């Protein structure tokens, strides 16, 4: 019988006999020939028949392996282990009952704040390995390593790490990295705010409501400060240059580096401008040669037709439009390859040109009645027909002026002088001394001659 069993029997017999004194049995433990102990150390078998001092310390309130227990630590593992590769290893096999969760290593307790003062950190677990340099080469130094997990059949979701969001603080983060760089070797699909979908490499989804009084609400905001090194080239706030790989067969309706199609839900607010893409203004740095809200380097190449800018349908509004370039500044075409163009052949000059033997027309907004028609003729001398909008009969309306305001215009200029005298057979030079009923004034050889 073990030593503890004899002690219990002797105490029981003494109680039954009505003894008034405590009996302390004196005996030896069979098989133990010697040994020694140290206070607060758990003994261990040093030989088959000898008890000695182990590395486990037990003060009654704290436990430590290989070190002196800390007063504020339940369990402490410390010391140096020659050839060791694990300070603590859990290799259990768990077989939970039905409808019971299984957790191989569970850190779950309550941390009580002090009645006063300040706490710098409260943490459920701290992992802070220190590495002493040696001669070996370390490939990866990792604070927490979660190897790949193979889920059992029937598992809905498997994750190396799952973090439920905290609550209660002024700022609540499911994950907070105070510095360093991120690295994700997986190519996706990834998602923020929703489950990943194999249609998107990175999906940003979910319903988000901003704080009160925010000037701008954005699904994605890029507000970094980019500074290029001395040998760097361009500085780009956002760069989008994916490689789009066509299928081996079939048809793609669209191949686009950027696709913008917002969905707008109507509410009670009044919206001034709604736009698929909005480009605000900015101030270019001093010394910049040219600045543009939108810059298109050139039309693409390789297609049957290639456009630098293509508006497929609808109206386009340009509150201010300046076209700079050569004789093909602004070209208008129908579905054919021919058409007219507007351009400036020189300073202060504006030209409208059309194809050979084409007619240039100016029509009203209803596109039913012409205002003017320019028809080319032989040697470039053609006819000009002005049509009245309401009667559709040929008419010509010239700008009106007075005799005193007749300008020093180029020869050939024709105006209507509202107070000029009608011409006589003798005098054709314009005057304004008679009935002044008005006449047409023609600039000939540097002088105004009236006809009527």
Protein backbone atom coordinates (compact mmCIF):
# COMPACT_ATOMS: atom_id res chain seq x y z
CA UNK A 1 0.00 0.00 0.00
CA UNK A 2 1.20 3.45 -0.79
CA UNK A 3 2.44 5.79 1.92
CA UNK A 4 -0.59 8.06 1.71
CA UNK A 5 -2.97 5.14 2.15
CA UNK A 6 -1.37 4.05 5.50
CA UNK A 7 -1.61 7.58 6.86
CA UNK A 8 -5.31 7.78 6.16
CA UNK A 9 -5.98 4.39 7.85
CA UNK A 10 -4.06 5.35 11.01
CA UNK A 11 -5.90 8.66 11.33
CA UNK A 12 -9.24 6.91 10.93
CA UNK A 13 -8.46 4.30 13.64
CA UNK A 14 -7.38 7.01 16.05
CA UNK A 15 -10.62 8.87 15.53
CA UNK A 16 -12.69 5.76 16.18
CA UNK A 17 -10.81 5.06 19.44
CA UNK A 18 -11.60 8.55 20.74
CA UNK A 19 -7.98 9.59 20.80
CA UNK A 20 -7.49 13.25 21.65
CA UNK A 21 -4.04 13.53 20.10
CA UNK A 22 -2.94 13.57 16.46
CA UNK A 23 -0.93 10.51 15.51
CA UNK A 24 2.05 11.18 13.27
CA UNK A 25 3.05 7.85 11.77
CA UNK A 26 6.71 7.07 11.39
CA UNK A 27 7.56 4.70 8.57
CA UNK A 28 9.64 4.37 5.51
CA UNK A 29 8.49 4.08 1.88
CA UNK A 30 9.22 0.64 0.53
CA UNK A 31 11.77 0.69 -2.31
CA UNK A 32 13.17 4.21 -1.62
CA UNK A 33 16.70 4.09 -0.24
CA UNK A 34 17.37 7.86 -0.09
CA UNK A 35 16.82 11.29 -1.57
CA UNK A 36 16.68 14.98 -0.92
CA UNK A 37 14.27 17.76 -1.72
CA UNK A 38 14.14 21.55 -2.20
CA UNK A 39 11.31 23.80 -1.12
CA UNK A 40 8.90 24.75 -3.91
CA UNK A 41 10.45 22.24 -6.35
CA UNK A 42 8.51 19.22 -7.54
CA UNK A 43 10.55 16.05 -7.01
CA UNK A 44 11.44 13.65 -9.76
CA UNK A 45 12.96 10.16 -9.95
CA UNK A 46 16.67 10.62 -10.51
CA UNK A 47 17.20 6.83 -10.43
CA UNK A 48 14.82 3.91 -10.16
CA UNK A 49 14.92 4.17 -6.36
CA UNK A 50 15.93 7.79 -5.68
CA UNK A 51 13.90 11.02 -5.59
CA UNK A 52 15.63 14.27 -6.52
CA UNK A 53 14.87 17.86 -7.49
CA UNK A 54 13.04 18.54 -10.77
CA UNK A 55 12.88 21.65 -12.94
CA UNK A 56 9.22 22.34 -12.17
CA UNK A 57 8.69 24.90 -9.43
CA UNK A 58 5.40 25.16 -7.57
CA UNK A 59 4.90 27.91 -4.99
CA UNK A 60 1.28 27.04 -4.40
CA UNK A 61 0.08 29.99 -6.47
CA UNK A 62 2.43 30.02 -9.47
CA UNK A 63 4.25 27.42 -11.53
CA UNK A 64 7.49 27.80 -13.45
CA UNK A 65 9.64 25.60 -15.68
CA UNK A 66 13.36 26.27 -15.41
CA UNK A 67 13.08 29.67 -13.73
CA UNK A 68 11.93 31.45 -10.60
CA UNK A 69 8.16 32.00 -10.69
CA UNK A 70 6.93 35.55 -11.13
CA UNK A 71 4.44 36.77 -8.58
CA UNK A 72 2.11 37.95 -11.38
CA UNK A 73 2.49 34.87 -13.61
CA UNK A 74 0.54 31.63 -13.25
CA UNK A 75 2.87 29.54 -15.43
CA UNK A 76 6.34 30.53 -16.60
CA UNK A 77 8.68 28.67 -18.96
CA UNK A 78 12.26 29.91 -18.94
CA UNK A 79 15.81 28.72 -19.11
CA UNK A 80 18.13 27.28 -21.73
CA UNK A 81 17.55 23.94 -23.45
CA UNK A 82 20.56 22.58 -25.29
CA UNK A 83 19.52 21.18 -28.65
CA UNK A 84 15.91 22.15 -28.01
CA UNK A 85 13.52 23.09 -30.81
CA UNK A 86 10.29 23.66 -28.85
CA UNK A 87 9.79 25.64 -25.63
CA UNK A 88 6.19 24.41 -25.45
CA UNK A 89 4.51 21.88 -27.70
CA UNK A 90 0.91 20.68 -27.69
CA UNK A 91 0.39 17.39 -29.54
CA UNK A 92 -2.92 16.29 -28.14
CA UNK A 93 -5.60 14.32 -29.91
CA UNK A 94 -9.03 15.70 -29.10
CA UNK A 95 -12.25 13.70 -29.44
CA UNK A 96 -15.09 16.04 -28.43
CA UNK A 97 -18.62 14.87 -27.93
CA UNK A 98 -21.31 15.75 -30.43
CA UNK A 99 -22.08 19.49 -30.81
CA UNK A 100 -19.05 20.45 -28.70
CA UNK A 101 -16.27 22.68 -30.04
CA UNK A 102 -12.65 21.50 -29.84
CA UNK A 103 -9.73 23.88 -29.19
CA UNK A 104 -6.24 22.42 -28.86
CA UNK A 105 -4.81 25.48 -27.07
CA UNK A 106 -7.21 27.88 -25.38
CA UNK A 107 -6.24 31.19 -23.75
CA UNK A 108 -9.46 32.41 -22.23
CA UNK A 109 -9.60 34.44 -19.05
CA UNK A 110 -10.58 37.73 -17.50
CA UNK A 111 -8.25 40.72 -17.15
CA UNK A 112 -9.32 43.15 -14.44
CA UNK A 113 -8.43 46.81 -14.76
CA UNK A 114 -6.90 48.51 -11.75
CA UNK A 115 -8.97 50.95 -9.77
CA UNK A 116 -6.77 53.86 -10.83
CA UNK A 117 -3.80 54.73 -13.00
CA UNK A 118 -3.26 53.66 -16.63
CA UNK A 119 -2.49 50.39 -18.37
CA UNK A 120 -0.29 50.59 -21.47
CA UNK A 121 -1.34 47.22 -22.86
CA UNK A 122 -3.90 44.50 -22.18
CA UNK A 123 -3.29 41.43 -24.37
CA UNK A 124 -4.68 37.92 -24.42
CA UNK A 125 -1.33 36.62 -25.67
CA UNK A 126 2.07 38.12 -26.41
CA UNK A 127 4.52 36.41 -28.75
CA UNK A 128 7.90 38.12 -28.71
CA UNK A 129 10.76 35.82 -29.70
CA UNK A 130 14.29 37.13 -29.37
CA UNK A 131 16.99 35.83 -31.73
CA UNK A 132 20.66 35.69 -30.82
CA UNK A 133 22.81 35.91 -33.94
CA UNK A 134 25.10 33.05 -34.78
CA UNK A 135 26.90 31.69 -37.81
CA UNK A 136 23.88 29.98 -39.36
CA UNK A 137 21.62 31.43 -42.06
CA UNK A 138 17.95 31.89 -41.20
CA UNK A 139 15.55 31.75 -44.14
CA UNK A 140 12.40 33.01 -42.41
CA UNK A 141 12.06 34.58 -38.95
CA UNK A 142 8.39 34.50 -37.96
CA UNK A 143 6.66 35.60 -34.79
CA UNK A 144 3.59 33.42 -35.40
CA UNK A 145 3.56 30.59 -37.92
CA UNK A 146 0.36 28.83 -38.95
CA UNK A 147 1.17 26.06 -41.45
CA UNK A 148 -1.35 24.98 -44.07
CA UNK A 149 -4.40 23.22 -42.68
CA UNK A 150 -6.14 20.34 -44.43
CA UNK A 151 -9.82 20.38 -43.54
CA UNK A 152 -11.86 17.25 -43.14
CA UNK A 153 -14.55 16.41 -45.66
CA UNK A 154 -17.78 18.31 -45.08
CA UNK A 155 -16.06 21.40 -43.63
CA UNK A 156 -17.74 24.59 -44.82
CA UNK A 157 -14.88 27.05 -44.33
CA UNK A 158 -11.24 26.62 -43.30
CA UNK A 159 -8.96 29.49 -42.25
CA UNK A 160 -5.46 29.70 -40.88
CA UNK A 161 -6.45 32.61 -38.64
CA UNK A 162 -9.92 33.92 -37.83
CA UNK A 163 -10.32 37.18 -35.93
CA UNK A 164 -13.66 38.35 -34.59
CA UNK A 165 -13.94 42.15 -34.32
CA UNK A 166 -13.56 43.70 -30.86
CA UNK A 167 -16.01 46.24 -29.47
CA UNK A 168 -16.23 48.81 -26.71
CA UNK A 169 -13.22 51.04 -27.48
CA UNK A 170 -13.09 54.37 -29.26
CA UNK A 171 -11.28 52.62 -32.11
CA UNK A 172 -11.93 48.92 -32.74
CA UNK A 173 -9.70 47.04 -35.19
CA UNK A 174 -9.88 43.36 -36.03
CA UNK A 175 -6.22 43.60 -37.13
CA UNK A 176 -3.77 46.37 -36.29
CA UNK A 177 -0.24 46.41 -37.66
CA UNK A 178 1.69 49.38 -36.32
CA UNK A 179 4.34 49.29 -39.06
CA UNK A 180 6.17 47.28 -41.66
CA UNK A 181 4.98 45.97 -45.01
CA UNK A 182 2.20 43.60 -46.04
CA UNK A 183 2.81 40.54 -48.18
CA UNK A 184 0.15 38.23 -49.62
CA UNK A 185 1.54 35.49 -51.84
CA UNK A 186 -1.90 34.13 -52.69
CA UNK A 187 -3.26 35.42 -56.02
CA UNK A 188 -6.89 35.26 -54.94
CA UNK A 189 -9.73 35.41 -55.03
CA UNK A 190 -9.63 37.89 -52.12
CA UNK A 191 -12.46 39.94 -50.65
CA UNK A 192 -13.07 42.74 -48.15
CA UNK A 193 -16.59 43.00 -46.77
CA UNK A 194 -17.90 39.86 -48.45
CA UNK A 195 -17.02 36.28 -49.30
CA UNK A 196 -14.50 35.93 -52.16
CA UNK A 197 -15.90 35.25 -55.63
CA UNK A 198 -13.79 33.59 -58.26
CA UNK A 199 -14.80 36.34 -60.71
CA UNK A 200 -12.68 38.93 -58.90
CA UNK A 201 -9.07 38.77 -57.81
CA UNK A 202 -9.86 41.42 -55.15
CA UNK A 203 -13.43 42.32 -54.22
CA UNK A 204 -14.37 45.32 -52.08
CA UNK A 205 -18.02 44.95 -51.09
CA UNK A 206 -20.46 45.37 -48.24
CA UNK A 207 -22.57 48.25 -46.95
CA UNK A 208 -20.67 51.10 -45.27
CA UNK A 209 -22.09 54.15 -43.51
CA UNK A 210 -19.80 57.09 -42.83
CA UNK A 211 -19.50 59.12 -39.69
CA UNK A 212 -21.55 62.29 -39.23
CA UNK A 213 -20.39 65.43 -41.03
CA UNK A 214 -17.87 63.85 -43.42
CA UNK A 215 -17.14 65.97 -46.50
CA UNK A 216 -16.49 63.01 -48.78
CA UNK A 217 -17.45 59.35 -48.43
CA UNK A 218 -15.38 56.89 -50.47
CA UNK A 219 -15.30 53.16 -50.98
CA UNK A 220 -11.56 53.42 -51.65
CA UNK A 221 -9.44 56.47 -50.89
CA UNK A 222 -5.78 56.90 -51.85
CA UNK A 223 -4.19 59.77 -49.90
CA UNK A 224 -0.55 58.78 -49.78
CA UNK A 225 2.34 61.23 -50.12
CA UNK A 226 4.67 59.90 -52.83
CA UNK A 227 8.26 61.11 -53.03
CA UNK A 228 10.49 59.74 -55.79
CA UNK A 229 14.16 58.95 -55.29
CA UNK A 230 16.75 60.86 -57.27
CA UNK A 231 16.93 58.22 -60.03
CA UNK A 232 13.16 57.61 -60.28
CA UNK A 233 10.99 58.53 -63.25
CA UNK A 234 7.26 59.15 -63.18
CA UNK A 235 5.22 59.61 -60.00
CA UNK A 236 1.77 57.99 -60.32
CA UNK A 237 -0.87 58.17 -57.59
CA UNK A 238 -2.67 55.07 -58.91
CA UNK A 239 -1.32 52.86 -61.67
CA UNK A 240 -3.57 50.44 -63.55
CA UNK A 241 -1.82 48.42 -66.25
CA UNK A 242 -3.12 44.84 -66.13
CA UNK A 243 -2.46 42.26 -68.82
CA UNK A 244 -5.77 41.18 -70.37
CA UNK A 245 -5.54 37.70 -71.89
CA UNK A 246 -8.12 36.82 -74.53
CA UNK A 247 -9.73 33.40 -74.58
CA UNK A 248 -8.65 30.96 -77.23
CA UNK A 249 -12.09 31.15 -78.86
CA UNK A 250 -15.42 32.89 -78.55
CA UNK A 251 -16.15 36.61 -78.25
CA UNK A 252 -15.36 39.30 -75.68
CA UNK A 253 -17.85 42.17 -75.65
CA UNK A 254 -15.43 44.42 -73.75
CA UNK A 255 -11.73 44.39 -72.91
CA UNK A 256 -11.00 47.41 -70.72
CA UNK A 257 -8.23 48.42 -68.35
CA UNK A 258 -10.74 50.46 -66.30
CA UNK A 259 -14.51 49.95 -66.15
CA UNK A 260 -16.65 52.50 -64.28
CA UNK A 261 -20.43 51.97 -63.98
CA UNK A 262 -21.76 53.20 -60.61
CA UNK A 263 -25.25 52.31 -59.43
CA UNK A 264 -27.09 55.19 -57.74
CA UNK A 265 -29.95 54.66 -55.30
CA UNK A 266 -32.40 57.56 -55.23
CA UNK A 267 -32.99 59.34 -51.92
CA UNK A 268 -34.36 62.64 -50.72
CA UNK A 269 -31.22 64.71 -51.34
CA UNK A 270 -30.70 66.98 -54.36
CA UNK A 271 -27.65 66.07 -56.43
CA UNK A 272 -25.91 68.77 -58.49
CA UNK A 273 -23.66 66.55 -60.60
CA UNK A 274 -23.71 62.76 -60.98
CA UNK A 275 -20.79 61.33 -62.93
CA UNK A 276 -19.24 57.98 -63.67
CA UNK A 277 -15.82 59.61 -63.33
CA UNK A 278 -15.11 63.01 -61.83
CA UNK A 279 -11.75 64.74 -62.19
CA UNK A 280 -11.22 67.67 -59.86
CA UNK A 281 -8.79 70.46 -60.54
CA UNK A 282 -5.28 70.74 -59.11
CA UNK A 283 -2.38 73.18 -59.03
CA UNK A 284 0.68 72.11 -61.01
CA UNK A 285 4.12 72.74 -59.57
CA UNK A 286 6.10 75.72 -60.79
CA UNK A 287 8.14 74.95 -63.88
CA UNK A 288 5.62 72.43 -65.25
CA UNK A 289 5.39 72.69 -69.05
CA UNK A 290 1.81 71.50 -69.53
CA UNK A 291 -0.93 70.28 -67.21
CA UNK A 292 -4.20 68.51 -68.03
CA UNK A 293 -7.15 67.12 -66.09
CA UNK A 294 -7.21 64.14 -68.47
CA UNK A 295 -4.34 63.31 -70.83
CA UNK A 296 -4.57 60.71 -73.60
CA UNK A 297 -1.16 60.02 -75.08
CA UNK A 298 -2.46 58.74 -78.41
CA UNK A 299 -5.04 56.54 -80.02
CA UNK A 300 -4.48 52.80 -79.55
CA UNK A 301 -3.32 50.67 -82.43
CA UNK A 302 -4.02 47.23 -83.82
CA UNK A 303 -7.81 47.43 -84.24
CA UNK A 304 -9.74 48.07 -87.45
CA UNK A 305 -10.59 51.55 -86.17
CA UNK A 306 -8.64 53.22 -83.37
CA UNK A 307 -9.87 56.23 -81.39
CA UNK A 308 -8.10 58.19 -78.68
CA UNK A 309 -11.55 59.11 -77.31
CA UNK A 310 -14.86 57.48 -78.24
CA UNK A 311 -18.27 58.69 -77.08
CA UNK A 312 -20.60 55.98 -78.38
CA UNK A 313 -23.92 57.77 -77.76
CA UNK A 314 -25.55 60.72 -76.04
CA UNK A 315 -24.65 64.38 -75.95
CA UNK A 316 -21.26 65.80 -75.00
CA UNK A 317 -20.93 69.20 -73.34
CA UNK A 318 -17.78 71.30 -73.41
CA UNK A 319 -18.20 74.52 -71.45
CA UNK A 320 -14.77 75.59 -72.71
CA UNK A 321 -13.14 73.95 -75.74
CA UNK A 322 -9.81 74.84 -77.24
CA UNK A 323 -8.48 72.62 -80.03
CA UNK A 324 -4.79 72.89 -80.81
CA UNK A 325 -3.05 71.16 -83.70
CA UNK A 326 -2.78 71.05 -87.49
CA UNK A 327 -5.34 71.08 -90.29
CA UNK A 328 -7.13 68.03 -88.84
CA UNK A 329 -7.89 69.64 -85.48
CA UNK A 330 -11.58 68.76 -85.27
CA UNK A 331 -12.92 66.27 -87.82
CA UNK A 332 -16.59 65.36 -88.17
CA UNK A 333 -17.53 62.10 -89.89
CA UNK A 334 -20.50 59.87 -90.32
CA UNK A 335 -20.04 56.11 -90.55
CA UNK A 336 -18.12 56.61 -93.79
CA UNK A 337 -14.47 57.56 -93.92
CA UNK A 338 -15.19 61.02 -95.31
CA UNK A 339 -16.42 64.14 -93.57
CA UNK A 340 -15.73 67.75 -92.78
CA UNK A 341 -13.35 69.37 -90.38
CA UNK A 342 -12.98 72.62 -88.43
CA UNK A 343 -9.56 74.14 -87.98
CA UNK A 344 -7.58 77.36 -87.76
CA UNK A 345 -5.27 77.82 -90.78
CA UNK A 346 -3.55 80.76 -89.12
CA UNK A 347 -3.75 83.41 -86.43
CA UNK A 348 -7.22 84.92 -86.29
CA UNK A 349 -8.57 82.64 -89.02
CA UNK A 350 -11.21 79.92 -88.89
CA UNK A 351 -11.93 77.44 -91.66
CA UNK A 352 -14.66 74.93 -92.44
CA UNK A 353 -13.71 72.38 -95.08
CA UNK A 354 -15.46 69.45 -96.68
CA UNK A 355 -14.60 66.79 -99.18
CA UNK A 356 -14.32 67.46 -102.91
CA UNK A 357 -17.55 68.88 -104.40
CA UNK A 358 -19.30 68.56 -101.03
CA UNK A 359 -21.86 71.04 -99.79
CA UNK A 360 -21.40 72.77 -96.44
CA UNK A 361 -24.72 73.45 -94.70
CA UNK A 362 -25.70 75.40 -91.60
CA UNK A 363 -29.09 74.31 -90.26
CA UNK A 364 -31.25 75.10 -87.28
CA UNK A 365 -31.59 72.93 -84.16
CA UNK A 366 -34.65 71.14 -85.52
CA UNK A 367 -32.51 69.86 -88.42
CA UNK A 368 -35.39 70.56 -90.83
CA UNK A 369 -34.64 73.97 -92.38
CA UNK A 370 -31.33 75.25 -93.65
CA UNK A 371 -29.95 78.58 -92.55
CA UNK A 372 -27.20 78.68 -95.17
CA UNK A 373 -25.78 76.47 -97.89
CA UNK A 374 -22.35 76.82 -99.47
CA UNK A 375 -22.13 75.01 -102.83
CA UNK A 376 -18.68 74.81 -104.48
CA UNK A 377 -18.41 75.61 -108.17
CA UNK A 378 -15.80 75.70 -110.89
CA UNK A 379 -12.41 77.09 -109.93
CA UNK A 380 -13.61 77.33 -106.34
CA UNK A 381 -16.13 80.06 -107.21
CA UNK A 382 -19.45 78.80 -105.95
CA UNK A 383 -22.83 80.04 -104.87
CA UNK A 384 -24.05 80.95 -101.41
CA UNK A 385 -27.76 80.54 -100.64
CA UNK A 386 -29.29 81.97 -97.46
CA UNK A 387 -32.73 80.59 -96.64
CA UNK A 388 -35.30 82.20 -94.38
CA UNK A 389 -36.13 79.93 -91.44
CA UNK A 390 -39.88 80.52 -91.46
CA UNK A 391 -40.74 80.88 -95.15
CA UNK A 392 -37.96 78.72 -96.61
CA UNK A 393 -37.58 81.34 -99.39
CA UNK A 394 -34.09 82.57 -100.33
CA UNK A 395 -33.15 85.66 -98.38
CA UNK A 396 -30.04 87.54 -97.36
CA UNK A 397 -29.79 89.52 -94.14
CA UNK A 398 -26.72 91.71 -93.59
CA UNK A 399 -25.45 93.46 -90.52
CA UNK A 400 -26.77 97.07 -90.18
CA UNK A 401 -24.82 100.22 -89.32
CA UNK A 402 -25.10 104.01 -89.72
CA UNK A 403 -23.35 106.41 -92.04
CA UNK A 404 -21.17 107.78 -89.26
CA UNK A 405 -20.20 104.26 -88.19
CA UNK A 406 -19.15 102.94 -91.62
CA UNK A 407 -15.76 101.33 -90.87
CA UNK A 408 -12.55 101.33 -92.85
CA UNK A 409 -13.29 97.80 -94.02
CA UNK A 410 -11.52 95.83 -96.77
CA UNK A 411 -12.66 96.35 -100.33
CA UNK A 412 -15.63 94.15 -101.19
CA UNK A 413 -17.33 94.51 -97.83
CA UNK A 414 -21.12 94.79 -98.07
CA UNK A 415 -23.23 96.35 -95.29
CA UNK A 416 -26.64 97.91 -94.85
CA UNK A 417 -26.46 101.62 -93.96
CA UNK A 418 -29.70 102.57 -92.21
CA UNK A 419 -29.40 106.37 -92.71
CA UNK A 420 -27.53 106.58 -96.01
CA UNK A 421 -29.08 108.40 -99.01
CA UNK A 422 -30.17 106.31 -101.94
CA UNK A 423 -27.71 106.65 -104.83
CA UNK A 424 -28.34 108.87 -107.88
CA UNK A 425 -27.23 108.37 -111.47
CA UNK A 426 -24.45 110.88 -110.92
CA UNK A 427 -23.24 110.21 -107.42
CA UNK A 428 -22.69 106.67 -106.03
CA UNK A 429 -20.57 107.67 -103.06
CA UNK A 430 -22.56 107.20 -99.85
CA UNK A 431 -24.01 110.32 -98.24
CA UNK A 432 -26.48 111.07 -95.48
CA UNK A 433 -28.00 114.49 -96.27
CA UNK A 434 -31.30 113.75 -97.93
CA UNK A 435 -34.27 111.63 -96.97
CA UNK A 436 -31.81 109.07 -95.60
CA UNK A 437 -34.09 106.12 -96.27
CA UNK A 438 -31.21 103.69 -96.20
CA UNK A 439 -29.10 101.89 -98.78
CA UNK A 440 -26.61 99.05 -99.26
CA UNK A 441 -23.03 100.22 -98.82
CA UNK A 442 -20.23 98.54 -100.78
CA UNK A 443 -16.54 99.18 -100.09
CA UNK A 444 -14.86 99.85 -103.46
CA UNK A 445 -11.35 101.21 -103.92
CA UNK A 446 -11.19 102.38 -100.32
CA UNK A 447 -14.53 104.24 -100.41
CA UNK A 448 -18.11 103.38 -99.55
CA UNK A 449 -20.50 103.39 -102.51
CA UNK A 450 -24.24 103.09 -101.98
CA UNK A 451 -26.60 101.04 -104.05
CA UNK A 452 -30.30 100.64 -103.70
